[in-house]
PDB file of N, CA and C in Angstrom:
ATOM      1  N   MET A   1      -5.455  -5.648   8.048  1.00  0.00           N
ATOM      2  CA  MET A   1      -4.557  -6.070   8.836  1.00  0.00           C
ATOM      3  C   MET A   1      -3.169  -5.852   8.319  1.00  0.00           C
ATOM      4  N   ILE A   2      -2.948  -5.963   7.126  1.00  0.00           N
ATOM      5  CA  ILE A   2      -1.585  -5.620   6.454  1.00  0.00           C
ATOM      6  C   ILE A   2      -1.283  -4.210   6.770  1.00  0.00           C
ATOM      7  N   VAL A   3      -2.133  -3.385   6.483  1.00  0.00           N
ATOM      8  CA  VAL A   3      -2.000  -1.931   6.666  1.00  0.00           C
ATOM      9  C   VAL A   3      -1.412  -1.354   8.167  1.00  0.00           C
ATOM     10  N   TRP A   4      -2.332  -2.240   9.107  1.00  0.00           N
ATOM     11  CA  TRP A   4      -1.896  -2.074  10.407  1.00  0.00           C
ATOM     12  C   TRP A   4      -0.670  -2.342  10.852  1.00  0.00           C
ATOM     13  N   HIS A   5      -0.115  -3.632  10.262  1.00  0.00           N
ATOM     14  CA  HIS A   5       1.310  -3.962  10.492  1.00  0.00           C
ATOM     15  C   HIS A   5       2.131  -3.020   9.841  1.00  0.00           C
ATOM     16  N   MET A   6       1.986  -2.482   8.703  1.00  0.00           N
ATOM     17  CA  MET A   6       2.939  -1.634   8.019  1.00  0.00           C
ATOM     18  C   MET A   6       3.030  -0.313   8.737  1.00  0.00           C
ATOM     19  N   LEU A   7       1.880   0.129   9.312  1.00  0.00           N
ATOM     20  CA  LEU A   7       1.948   1.372  10.042  1.00  0.00           C
ATOM     21  C   LEU A   7       2.769   1.111  11.522  1.00  0.00           C
ATOM     22  N   ILE A   8       2.495   0.119  12.141  1.00  0.00           N
ATOM     23  CA  ILE A   8       3.129  -0.129  13.273  1.00  0.00           C
ATOM     24  C   ILE A   8       4.465  -0.366  13.242  1.00  0.00           C
ATOM     25  N   LYS A   9       5.115  -1.033  12.237  1.00  0.00           N
ATOM     26  CA  LYS A   9       6.433  -1.521  11.893  1.00  0.00           C
ATOM     27  C   LYS A   9       7.032  -0.318  11.073  1.00  0.00           C
ATOM     28  N   GLU A  10       6.427   0.607  10.609  1.00  0.00           N
ATOM     29  CA  GLU A  10       6.793   1.689   9.936  1.00  0.00           C
ATOM     30  C   GLU A  10       7.884   1.098   8.667  1.00  0.00           C
ATOM     31  N   THR A  11       7.058   0.114   8.002  1.00  0.00           N
ATOM     32  CA  THR A  11       7.704  -0.532   6.665  1.00  0.00           C
ATOM     33  C   THR A  11       6.950  -0.275   5.487  1.00  0.00           C
ATOM     34  N   ALA A  12       7.672  -0.484   4.324  1.00  0.00           N
ATOM     35  CA  ALA A  12       6.916  -0.290   3.032  1.00  0.00           C
ATOM     36  C   ALA A  12       6.247  -1.660   2.728  1.00  0.00           C
ATOM     37  N   TYR A  13       5.120  -1.419   1.752  1.00  0.00           N
ATOM     38  CA  TYR A  13       4.501  -2.618   1.263  1.00  0.00           C
ATOM     39  C   TYR A  13       5.701  -3.703   0.346  1.00  0.00           C
ATOM     40  N   ILE A  14       5.894  -4.786   0.868  1.00  0.00           N
ATOM     41  CA  ILE A  14       7.008  -5.365   0.197  1.00  0.00           C
ATOM     42  C   ILE A  14       6.709  -5.938  -1.184  1.00  0.00           C
ATOM     43  N   TRP A  15       5.280  -6.177  -1.526  1.00  0.00           N
ATOM     44  CA  TRP A  15       5.057  -6.639  -2.863  1.00  0.00           C
ATOM     45  C   TRP A  15       4.547  -5.436  -3.714  1.00  0.00           C
ATOM     46  N   ALA A  16       4.984  -4.194  -3.457  1.00  0.00           N
ATOM     47  CA  ALA A  16       4.513  -3.192  -4.422  1.00  0.00           C
ATOM     48  C   ALA A  16       5.619  -3.028  -5.581  1.00  0.00           C
ATOM     49  N   ARG A  17       4.995  -2.604  -6.737  1.00  0.00           N
ATOM     50  CA  ARG A  17       5.826  -2.602  -7.872  1.00  0.00           C
ATOM     51  C   ARG A  17       6.406  -1.364  -8.015  1.00  0.00           C
ATOM     52  N   PRO A  18       7.847  -1.133  -7.889  1.00  0.00           N
ATOM     53  CA  PRO A  18       8.468   0.221  -7.796  1.00  0.00           C
ATOM     54  C   PRO A  18       8.105   1.103  -8.974  1.00  0.00           C
ATOM     55  N   ALA A  19       8.215   0.698 -10.243  1.00  0.00           N
ATOM     56  CA  ALA A  19       7.830   1.585 -11.485  1.00  0.00           C
ATOM     57  C   ALA A  19       6.542   2.014 -11.268  1.00  0.00           C
ATOM     58  N   LEU A  20       5.528   1.164 -10.883  1.00  0.00           N
ATOM     59  CA  LEU A  20       4.077   1.850 -10.902  1.00  0.00           C
ATOM     60  C   LEU A  20       4.058   2.714  -9.881  1.00  0.00           C
ATOM     61  N   MET A  21       4.572   2.345  -8.657  1.00  0.00           N
ATOM     62  CA  MET A  21       4.555   3.425  -7.510  1.00  0.00           C
ATOM     63  C   MET A  21       5.089   4.673  -7.893  1.00  0.00           C
ATOM     64  N   ALA A  22       6.238   4.726  -8.525  1.00  0.00           N
ATOM     65  CA  ALA A  22       6.885   5.921  -8.936  1.00  0.00           C
ATOM     66  C   ALA A  22       6.105   6.739  -9.987  1.00  0.00           C
ATOM     67  N   ARG A  23       5.503   6.086 -10.919  1.00  0.00           N
ATOM     68  CA  ARG A  23       4.565   6.705 -11.806  1.00  0.00           C
ATOM     69  C   ARG A  23       3.428   7.354 -11.177  1.00  0.00           C
ATOM     70  N   LYS A  24       2.768   6.660 -10.032  1.00  0.00           N
ATOM     71  CA  LYS A  24       1.727   7.214  -9.460  1.00  0.00           C
ATOM     72  C   LYS A  24       2.076   8.363  -8.725  1.00  0.00           C
ATOM     73  N   LEU A  25       3.309   8.417  -7.978  1.00  0.00           N
ATOM     74  CA  LEU A  25       3.776   9.523  -7.131  1.00  0.00           C
ATOM     75  C   LEU A  25       4.267  10.649  -8.062  1.00  0.00           C
ATOM     76  N   ARG A  26       4.772  10.320  -9.211  1.00  0.00           N
ATOM     77  CA  ARG A  26       5.006  11.475 -10.180  1.00  0.00           C
ATOM     78  C   ARG A  26       3.748  12.186 -10.675  1.00  0.00           C
ATOM     79  N   SER A  27       2.910  11.413 -11.031  1.00  0.00           N
ATOM     80  CA  SER A  27       1.333  11.985 -11.458  1.00  0.00           C
ATOM     81  C   SER A  27       0.905  12.866 -10.333  1.00  0.00           C
ATOM     82  N   ALA A  28       0.963  12.380  -8.974  1.00  0.00           N
ATOM     83  CA  ALA A  28       0.485  13.279  -7.988  1.00  0.00           C
ATOM     84  C   ALA A  28       1.304  14.485  -7.938  1.00  0.00           C
ATOM     85  N   GLU A  29       2.606  14.455  -7.998  1.00  0.00           N
ATOM     86  CA  GLU A  29       3.305  15.571  -7.886  1.00  0.00           C
ATOM     87  C   GLU A  29       3.022  16.665  -9.021  1.00  0.00           C
ATOM     88  N   LEU A  30       2.864  15.985 -10.159  1.00  0.00           N
ATOM     89  CA  LEU A  30       2.441  16.981 -11.215  1.00  0.00           C
ATOM     90  C   LEU A  30       1.021  17.641 -11.087  1.00  0.00           C
ATOM     91  N   ARG A  31       0.202  16.779 -10.541  1.00  0.00           N
ATOM     92  CA  ARG A  31      -1.283  17.442 -10.315  1.00  0.00           C
ATOM     93  C   ARG A  31      -1.112  18.574  -9.120  1.00  0.00           C
ATOM     94  N   ALA A  32      -0.007  18.344  -8.184  1.00  0.00           N
ATOM     95  CA  ALA A  32       0.186  19.400  -7.172  1.00  0.00           C
ATOM     96  C   ALA A  32       1.003  20.492  -7.731  1.00  0.00           C
ATOM     97  N   ARG A  33       1.397  20.577  -8.951  1.00  0.00           N
ATOM     98  CA  ARG A  33       1.897  21.745  -9.551  1.00  0.00           C
ATOM     99  C   ARG A  33       3.455  21.860  -9.150  1.00  0.00           C
ATOM    100  N   MET A  34       3.877  20.660  -8.810  1.00  0.00           N
ATOM    101  CA  MET A  34       5.421  20.629  -8.316  1.00  0.00           C
ATOM    102  C   MET A  34       6.395  20.878  -9.772  1.00  0.00           C
ATOM    103  N   PRO A  35       7.478  21.167  -9.491  1.00  0.00           N
ATOM    104  CA  PRO A  35       8.206  21.633 -10.721  1.00  0.00           C
ATOM    105  C   PRO A  35       8.604  20.327 -11.650  1.00  0.00           C
ATOM    106  N   GLY A  36       8.523  20.536 -12.868  1.00  0.00           N
ATOM    107  CA  GLY A  36       8.868  19.289 -13.758  1.00  0.00           C
ATOM    108  C   GLY A  36      10.403  19.015 -13.844  1.00  0.00           C
ATOM    109  N   ASN A  37      10.795  17.891 -14.029  1.00  0.00           N
ATOM    110  CA  ASN A  37      12.280  17.523 -14.300  1.00  0.00           C
ATOM    111  C   ASN A  37      12.479  17.333 -15.714  1.00  0.00           C
ATOM    112  N   HIS A  38      12.516  18.415 -16.482  1.00  0.00           N
ATOM    113  CA  HIS A  38      12.668  18.089 -18.058  1.00  0.00           C
ATOM    114  C   HIS A  38      13.960  17.664 -18.470  1.00  0.00           C
ATOM    115  N   ALA A  39      13.852  16.718 -19.332  1.00  0.00           N
ATOM    116  CA  ALA A  39      15.092  16.021 -19.890  1.00  0.00           C
ATOM    117  C   ALA A  39      15.791  15.245 -18.941  1.00  0.00           C
ATOM    118  N   LYS A  40      15.126  14.690 -17.867  1.00  0.00           N
ATOM    119  CA  LYS A  40      15.920  13.735 -16.973  1.00  0.00           C
ATOM    120  C   LYS A  40      14.743  12.502 -16.738  1.00  0.00           C
ATOM    121  N   ARG A  41      15.317  11.437 -16.916  1.00  0.00           N
ATOM    122  CA  ARG A  41      14.477  10.171 -16.467  1.00  0.00           C
ATOM    123  C   ARG A  41      14.550   9.909 -15.064  1.00  0.00           C
ATOM    124  N   GLY A  42      13.316  10.084 -14.673  1.00  0.00           N
ATOM    125  CA  GLY A  42      13.172   9.712 -13.271  1.00  0.00           C
ATOM    126  C   GLY A  42      12.746   8.115 -13.037  1.00  0.00           C
ATOM    127  N   ALA A  43      12.587   7.688 -11.734  1.00  0.00           N
ATOM    128  CA  ALA A  43      12.179   6.322 -11.502  1.00  0.00           C
ATOM    129  C   ALA A  43      10.909   5.959 -12.233  1.00  0.00           C
ATOM    130  N   ALA A  44       9.944   6.818 -12.510  1.00  0.00           N
ATOM    131  CA  ALA A  44       8.773   6.423 -13.257  1.00  0.00           C
ATOM    132  C   ALA A  44       9.008   6.152 -14.529  1.00  0.00           C
ATOM    133  N   TYR A  45       9.957   6.380 -15.291  1.00  0.00           N
ATOM    134  CA  TYR A  45      10.399   6.022 -16.569  1.00  0.00           C
ATOM    135  C   TYR A  45      10.204   4.515 -16.780  1.00  0.00           C
ATOM    136  N   ASN A  46      10.703   3.806 -15.818  1.00  0.00           N
ATOM    137  CA  ASN A  46      10.664   2.336 -16.035  1.00  0.00           C
ATOM    138  C   ASN A  46       9.441   1.809 -16.339  1.00  0.00           C
ATOM    139  N   TYR A  47       8.254   2.563 -15.862  1.00  0.00           N
ATOM    140  CA  TYR A  47       6.903   1.900 -16.124  1.00  0.00           C
ATOM    141  C   TYR A  47       6.722   1.915 -17.768  1.00  0.00           C
ATOM    142  N   ASN A  48       7.531   2.717 -18.461  1.00  0.00           N
ATOM    143  CA  ASN A  48       7.249   2.867 -19.886  1.00  0.00           C
ATOM    144  C   ASN A  48       7.979   1.645 -20.654  1.00  0.00           C
ATOM    145  N   ILE A  49       8.723   0.998 -20.088  1.00  0.00           N
ATOM    146  CA  ILE A  49       9.503  -0.256 -20.542  1.00  0.00           C
ATOM    147  C   ILE A  49       8.648  -1.460 -20.284  1.00  0.00           C
ATOM    148  N   PRO A  50       8.010  -2.234 -21.371  1.00  0.00           N
ATOM    149  CA  PRO A  50       7.230  -3.211 -21.212  1.00  0.00           C
ATOM    150  C   PRO A  50       7.956  -4.452 -20.406  1.00  0.00           C
ATOM    151  N   SER A  51       9.165  -4.655 -20.578  1.00  0.00           N
ATOM    152  CA  SER A  51       9.711  -5.694 -20.045  1.00  0.00           C
ATOM    153  C   SER A  51      10.135  -5.476 -18.548  1.00  0.00           C
ATOM    154  N   LYS A  52      10.193  -4.192 -18.091  1.00  0.00           N
ATOM    155  CA  LYS A  52      10.323  -3.774 -16.635  1.00  0.00           C
ATOM    156  C   LYS A  52       8.737  -4.086 -16.127  1.00  0.00           C
ATOM    157  N   ARG A  53       7.929  -3.785 -16.673  1.00  0.00           N
ATOM    158  CA  ARG A  53       6.524  -3.862 -16.050  1.00  0.00           C
ATOM    159  C   ARG A  53       6.019  -5.333 -15.996  1.00  0.00           C
ATOM    160  N   ALA A  54       6.498  -6.172 -17.129  1.00  0.00           N
ATOM    161  CA  ALA A  54       6.367  -7.589 -16.935  1.00  0.00           C
ATOM    162  C   ALA A  54       7.137  -8.327 -15.765  1.00  0.00           C
ATOM    163  N   GLU A  55       8.098  -7.795 -15.630  1.00  0.00           N
ATOM    164  CA  GLU A  55       9.233  -8.366 -14.629  1.00  0.00           C
ATOM    165  C   GLU A  55       8.527  -8.180 -13.108  1.00  0.00           C
ATOM    166  N   GLU A  56       8.152  -6.970 -12.993  1.00  0.00           N
ATOM    167  CA  GLU A  56       7.507  -6.531 -11.668  1.00  0.00           C
ATOM    168  C   GLU A  56       6.147  -7.354 -11.531  1.00  0.00           C
ATOM    169  N   ARG A  57       5.437  -7.341 -12.569  1.00  0.00           N
ATOM    170  CA  ARG A  57       4.333  -8.220 -12.421  1.00  0.00           C
ATOM    171  C   ARG A  57       4.434  -9.559 -12.164  1.00  0.00           C
ATOM    172  N   GLN A  58       5.379 -10.117 -12.715  1.00  0.00           N
ATOM    173  CA  GLN A  58       5.755 -11.727 -12.535  1.00  0.00           C
ATOM    174  C   GLN A  58       6.140 -11.830 -10.880  1.00  0.00           C
ATOM    175  N   ARG A  59       6.985 -10.930 -10.572  1.00  0.00           N
ATOM    176  CA  ARG A  59       7.357 -11.013  -9.131  1.00  0.00           C
ATOM    177  C   ARG A  59       6.335 -10.805  -8.082  1.00  0.00           C
ATOM    178  N   VAL A  60       5.343 -10.005  -8.433  1.00  0.00           N
ATOM    179  CA  VAL A  60       4.188  -9.704  -7.521  1.00  0.00           C
ATOM    180  C   VAL A  60       3.295 -10.933  -7.600  1.00  0.00           C
ATOM    181  N   GLU A  61       3.077 -11.538  -8.857  1.00  0.00           N
ATOM    182  CA  GLU A  61       2.277 -12.837  -8.862  1.00  0.00           C
ATOM    183  C   GLU A  61       2.980 -13.824  -8.161  1.00  0.00           C
ATOM    184  N   LEU A  62       4.195 -14.043  -8.155  1.00  0.00           N
ATOM    185  CA  LEU A  62       4.932 -15.116  -7.476  1.00  0.00           C
ATOM    186  C   LEU A  62       4.692 -14.885  -5.915  1.00  0.00           C
ATOM    187  N   ALA A  63       4.772 -13.697  -5.524  1.00  0.00           N
ATOM    188  CA  ALA A  63       4.654 -13.391  -4.018  1.00  0.00           C
ATOM    189  C   ALA A  63       3.405 -13.640  -3.636  1.00  0.00           C
ATOM    190  N   GLU A  64       2.317 -13.365  -4.348  1.00  0.00           N
ATOM    191  CA  GLU A  64       0.850 -13.507  -4.312  1.00  0.00           C
ATOM    192  C   GLU A  64       0.529 -14.996  -4.013  1.00  0.00           C
ATOM    193  N   ALA A  65       1.244 -15.859  -4.990  1.00  0.00           N
ATOM    194  CA  ALA A  65       0.933 -17.286  -4.790  1.00  0.00           C
ATOM    195  C   ALA A  65       1.670 -17.820  -3.647  1.00  0.00           C
ATOM    196  N   ASP A  66       2.837 -17.461  -3.315  1.00  0.00           N
ATOM    197  CA  ASP A  66       3.504 -17.795  -2.050  1.00  0.00           C
ATOM    198  C   ASP A  66       2.633 -17.397  -0.773  1.00  0.00           C
ATOM    199  N   TYR A  67       1.925 -16.314  -0.828  1.00  0.00           N
ATOM    200  CA  TYR A  67       1.106 -15.952   0.272  1.00  0.00           C
ATOM    201  C   TYR A  67      -0.235 -16.815   0.350  1.00  0.00           C
ATOM    202  N   ALA A  68      -0.730 -17.147  -0.858  1.00  0.00           N
ATOM    203  CA  ALA A  68      -1.941 -17.831  -0.784  1.00  0.00           C
ATOM    204  C   ALA A  68      -1.638 -19.371  -0.457  1.00  0.00           C
ATOM    205  N   ARG A  69      -0.457 -19.922  -0.621  1.00  0.00           N
ATOM    206  CA  ARG A  69      -0.002 -21.208  -0.249  1.00  0.00           C
ATOM    207  C   ARG A  69       0.128 -21.122   1.401  1.00  0.00           C
ATOM    208  N   PHE A  70       0.664 -19.967   2.025  1.00  0.00           N
ATOM    209  CA  PHE A  70       0.698 -19.747   3.302  1.00  0.00           C
ATOM    210  C   PHE A  70      -0.411 -19.648   3.967  1.00  0.00           C
ATOM    211  N   ALA A  71      -1.402 -18.976   3.473  1.00  0.00           N
ATOM    212  CA  ALA A  71      -2.670 -18.697   3.990  1.00  0.00           C
ATOM    213  C   ALA A  71      -3.552 -20.022   3.983  1.00  0.00           C
ATOM    214  N   MET A  72      -3.449 -20.882   2.929  1.00  0.00           N
ATOM    215  CA  MET A  72      -4.097 -22.105   2.806  1.00  0.00           C
ATOM    216  C   MET A  72      -3.808 -23.109   4.053  1.00  0.00           C
ATOM    217  N   ASN A  73      -2.475 -23.092   4.263  1.00  0.00           N
ATOM    218  CA  ASN A  73      -2.200 -23.897   5.340  1.00  0.00           C
ATOM    219  C   ASN A  73      -2.330 -23.428   6.872  1.00  0.00           C
ATOM    220  N   TRP A  74      -2.723 -22.262   6.771  1.00  0.00           N
ATOM    221  CA  TRP A  74      -2.810 -21.495   8.072  1.00  0.00           C
ATOM    222  C   TRP A  74      -4.413 -21.755   8.386  1.00  0.00           C
ATOM    223  N   ARG A  75      -4.532 -22.422   9.544  1.00  0.00           N
ATOM    224  CA  ARG A  75      -6.079 -22.731  10.039  1.00  0.00           C
ATOM    225  C   ARG A  75      -6.127 -22.262  11.335  1.00  0.00           C
ATOM    226  N   THR A  76      -7.182 -21.596  11.772  1.00  0.00           N
ATOM    227  CA  THR A  76      -7.483 -21.432  13.149  1.00  0.00           C
ATOM    228  C   THR A  76      -7.988 -22.818  13.806  1.00  0.00           C
ATOM    229  N   ARG A  77      -7.490 -23.023  14.999  1.00  0.00           N
ATOM    230  CA  ARG A  77      -7.940 -24.169  15.738  1.00  0.00           C
ATOM    231  C   ARG A  77      -9.096 -23.946  16.430  1.00  0.00           C
ATOM    232  N   LEU A  78      -9.991 -24.960  16.445  1.00  0.00           N
ATOM    233  CA  LEU A  78     -11.283 -24.805  17.225  1.00  0.00           C
ATOM    234  C   LEU A  78     -11.125 -25.357  18.639  1.00  0.00           C
ATOM    235  N   LYS A  79     -11.544 -24.771  19.490  1.00  0.00           N
ATOM    236  CA  LYS A  79     -11.574 -25.383  20.796  1.00  0.00           C
ATOM    237  C   LYS A  79     -12.404 -26.601  21.006  1.00  0.00           C
ATOM    238  N   SER A  80     -11.648 -27.489  21.537  1.00  0.00           N
ATOM    239  CA  SER A  80     -12.349 -28.888  21.538  1.00  0.00           C
ATOM    240  C   SER A  80     -13.309 -28.902  22.853  1.00  0.00           C
ATOM    241  N   LYS A  81     -14.482 -29.432  22.587  1.00  0.00           N
ATOM    242  CA  LYS A  81     -15.332 -29.563  23.654  1.00  0.00           C
ATOM    243  C   LYS A  81     -14.972 -30.543  24.722  1.00  0.00           C
ATOM    244  N   PRO A  82     -15.309 -30.211  25.894  1.00  0.00           N
ATOM    245  CA  PRO A  82     -14.998 -31.221  27.069  1.00  0.00           C
ATOM    246  C   PRO A  82     -15.846 -32.558  26.914  1.00  0.00           C
ATOM    247  N   VAL A  83     -15.317 -33.524  27.133  1.00  0.00           N
ATOM    248  CA  VAL A  83     -15.940 -35.010  27.040  1.00  0.00           C
ATOM    249  C   VAL A  83     -16.767 -35.098  28.263  1.00  0.00           C
ATOM    250  N   GLU A  84     -17.969 -35.458  28.072  1.00  0.00           N
ATOM    251  CA  GLU A  84     -18.928 -35.504  29.091  1.00  0.00           C
ATOM    252  C   GLU A  84     -18.793 -36.938  29.659  1.00  0.00           C
ATOM    253  N   ASN A  85     -18.822 -37.039  30.964  1.00  0.00           N
ATOM    254  CA  ASN A  85     -18.715 -38.454  31.587  1.00  0.00           C
ATOM    255  C   ASN A  85     -20.057 -39.086  31.594  1.00  0.00           C
ATOM    256  N   PRO A  86     -20.331 -40.180  30.928  1.00  0.00           N
ATOM    257  CA  PRO A  86     -21.603 -40.709  31.017  1.00  0.00           C
ATOM    258  C   PRO A  86     -22.175 -41.377  32.060  1.00  0.00           C
ATOM    259  N   GLY A  87     -21.301 -41.494  33.145  1.00  0.00           N
ATOM    260  CA  GLY A  87     -21.499 -42.316  34.221  1.00  0.00           C
ATOM    261  C   GLY A  87     -21.913 -41.532  35.293  1.00  0.00           C
TER     262      GLY A  87
END
């Protein structure tokens, strides 16, 4: 369902970890034999910094907890059965 909404609204996944995504994209670029950027720190460099990784992980965990609280309070309503007339 989340993917469908993202595609329809053409938005990014709001709980994504930017450094992790940058690292994955850069790895894919290198496997595709795209040119390397030697002696330049790109967006994927932040993944190598433990404090940045921990900060992103904490932000995602908080967002997940918020979503869990939201989903816990969201219940589908059952249709009530019509009351039969005893008489």
